[in-house]
Amino acid sequence: MTKSLSELTRQAKEDISNCSSLKELDSVRVFYLGRKARLAWIKVTLET
């Protein structure tokens, strides 16, 4: 089951507010950028 983009955004905001250090924040950012890119790629793939 894949999460919708709005759910993912809400989760990202939660994770970001839970970060205690800049290093942690960076890894969360990288993780979500990867998720978002993959979702976009899947969407494009399905449309073609």
N, C-alpha and C. Protein backbone atom coordinates (compact mmCIF):
# COMPACT_ATOMS: atom_id res chain seq x y z
N MET A 1 0.84 -1.20 0.00
CA MET A 1 0.00 0.00 0.00
C MET A 1 0.88 1.26 0.00
N THR A 2 0.75 2.05 -1.02
CA THR A 2 1.54 3.28 -1.09
C THR A 2 0.78 4.44 -0.49
N LYS A 3 1.51 5.31 0.16
CA LYS A 3 0.90 6.48 0.79
C LYS A 3 0.69 7.57 -0.25
N SER A 4 -0.35 8.34 -0.05
CA SER A 4 -0.58 9.48 -0.93
C SER A 4 0.46 10.56 -0.62
N LEU A 5 0.61 11.49 -1.54
CA LEU A 5 1.60 12.54 -1.38
C LEU A 5 1.31 13.42 -0.17
N SER A 6 0.03 13.66 0.10
CA SER A 6 -0.33 14.48 1.27
C SER A 6 0.00 13.76 2.58
N GLU A 7 -0.22 12.45 2.61
CA GLU A 7 0.14 11.66 3.80
C GLU A 7 1.65 11.68 3.99
N LEU A 8 2.36 11.55 2.88
CA LEU A 8 3.82 11.54 2.91
C LEU A 8 4.35 12.89 3.41
N THR A 9 3.72 13.96 2.96
CA THR A 9 4.11 15.31 3.38
C THR A 9 3.89 15.51 4.87
N ARG A 10 2.74 15.04 5.36
CA ARG A 10 2.42 15.15 6.79
C ARG A 10 3.43 14.36 7.62
N GLN A 11 3.74 13.16 7.15
CA GLN A 11 4.71 12.31 7.83
C GLN A 11 6.10 12.95 7.84
N ALA A 12 6.45 13.56 6.72
CA ALA A 12 7.75 14.24 6.62
C ALA A 12 7.84 15.38 7.62
N LYS A 13 6.77 16.16 7.74
CA LYS A 13 6.75 17.27 8.70
C LYS A 13 6.90 16.76 10.12
N GLU A 14 6.25 15.65 10.43
CA GLU A 14 6.36 15.02 11.74
C GLU A 14 7.80 14.60 12.01
N ASP A 15 8.38 13.90 11.03
CA ASP A 15 9.75 13.43 11.17
C ASP A 15 10.73 14.59 11.34
N ILE A 16 10.50 15.66 10.58
CA ILE A 16 11.37 16.83 10.66
C ILE A 16 11.29 17.47 12.05
N SER A 17 10.09 17.57 12.60
CA SER A 17 9.94 18.17 13.93
C SER A 17 10.52 17.27 15.03
N ASN A 18 10.68 15.98 14.74
CA ASN A 18 11.26 15.05 15.71
C ASN A 18 12.79 15.00 15.64
N CYS A 19 13.36 15.63 14.63
CA CYS A 19 14.81 15.60 14.47
C CYS A 19 15.49 16.41 15.57
N SER A 20 16.54 15.84 16.13
CA SER A 20 17.24 16.52 17.21
C SER A 20 18.55 17.16 16.73
N SER A 21 19.01 16.77 15.56
CA SER A 21 20.26 17.32 15.05
C SER A 21 20.17 17.61 13.56
N LEU A 22 21.10 18.41 13.08
CA LEU A 22 21.13 18.77 11.67
C LEU A 22 21.43 17.55 10.81
N LYS A 23 22.27 16.66 11.33
CA LYS A 23 22.63 15.45 10.59
C LYS A 23 21.39 14.57 10.38
N GLU A 24 20.59 14.46 11.42
CA GLU A 24 19.34 13.70 11.37
C GLU A 24 18.39 14.31 10.35
N LEU A 25 18.28 15.63 10.39
CA LEU A 25 17.41 16.36 9.48
C LEU A 25 17.82 16.11 8.03
N ASP A 26 19.12 16.09 7.79
CA ASP A 26 19.63 15.87 6.44
C ASP A 26 19.27 14.49 5.93
N SER A 27 19.38 13.47 6.78
CA SER A 27 19.05 12.11 6.34
C SER A 27 17.56 11.96 6.08
N VAL A 28 16.72 12.64 6.86
CA VAL A 28 15.28 12.63 6.63
C VAL A 28 14.96 13.30 5.30
N ARG A 29 15.62 14.42 5.04
CA ARG A 29 15.40 15.17 3.80
C ARG A 29 15.77 14.31 2.59
N VAL A 30 16.92 13.67 2.66
CA VAL A 30 17.37 12.79 1.57
C VAL A 30 16.39 11.64 1.36
N PHE A 31 15.92 11.04 2.45
CA PHE A 31 14.98 9.94 2.38
C PHE A 31 13.69 10.35 1.67
N TYR A 32 13.13 11.49 2.07
CA TYR A 32 11.87 11.93 1.47
C TYR A 32 12.03 12.43 0.04
N LEU A 33 13.18 13.03 -0.27
CA LEU A 33 13.44 13.42 -1.66
C LEU A 33 13.46 12.17 -2.54
N GLY A 34 14.05 11.11 -2.02
CA GLY A 34 14.09 9.84 -2.75
C GLY A 34 12.70 9.25 -2.94
N ARG A 35 11.89 9.29 -1.89
CA ARG A 35 10.52 8.77 -1.97
C ARG A 35 9.70 9.55 -2.99
N LYS A 36 9.81 10.87 -2.93
CA LYS A 36 9.05 11.74 -3.81
C LYS A 36 9.47 11.53 -5.26
N ALA A 37 10.76 11.41 -5.49
CA ALA A 37 11.27 11.18 -6.84
C ALA A 37 10.76 9.84 -7.38
N ARG A 38 10.74 8.83 -6.52
CA ARG A 38 10.28 7.51 -6.93
C ARG A 38 8.78 7.55 -7.25
N LEU A 39 8.00 8.24 -6.44
CA LEU A 39 6.56 8.39 -6.70
C LEU A 39 6.32 9.09 -8.03
N ALA A 40 7.08 10.15 -8.29
CA ALA A 40 6.94 10.89 -9.54
C ALA A 40 7.31 10.00 -10.73
N TRP A 41 8.38 9.23 -10.57
CA TRP A 41 8.83 8.33 -11.62
C TRP A 41 7.78 7.26 -11.92
N ILE A 42 7.19 6.69 -10.88
CA ILE A 42 6.13 5.68 -11.04
C ILE A 42 4.94 6.28 -11.77
N LYS A 43 4.55 7.49 -11.38
CA LYS A 43 3.42 8.18 -12.00
C LYS A 43 3.66 8.38 -13.49
N VAL A 44 4.85 8.85 -13.84
CA VAL A 44 5.21 9.07 -15.25
C VAL A 44 5.21 7.74 -16.01
N THR A 45 5.75 6.71 -15.38
CA THR A 45 5.82 5.39 -16.01
C THR A 45 4.42 4.83 -16.29
N LEU A 46 3.50 5.02 -15.35
CA LEU A 46 2.14 4.52 -15.51
C LEU A 46 1.37 5.28 -16.59
N GLU A 47 1.70 6.56 -16.78
CA GLU A 47 0.99 7.39 -17.75
C GLU A 47 1.39 7.09 -19.19
N THR A 48 2.58 6.53 -19.39
CA THR A 48 3.06 6.28 -20.76
C THR A 48 2.64 4.92 -21.27
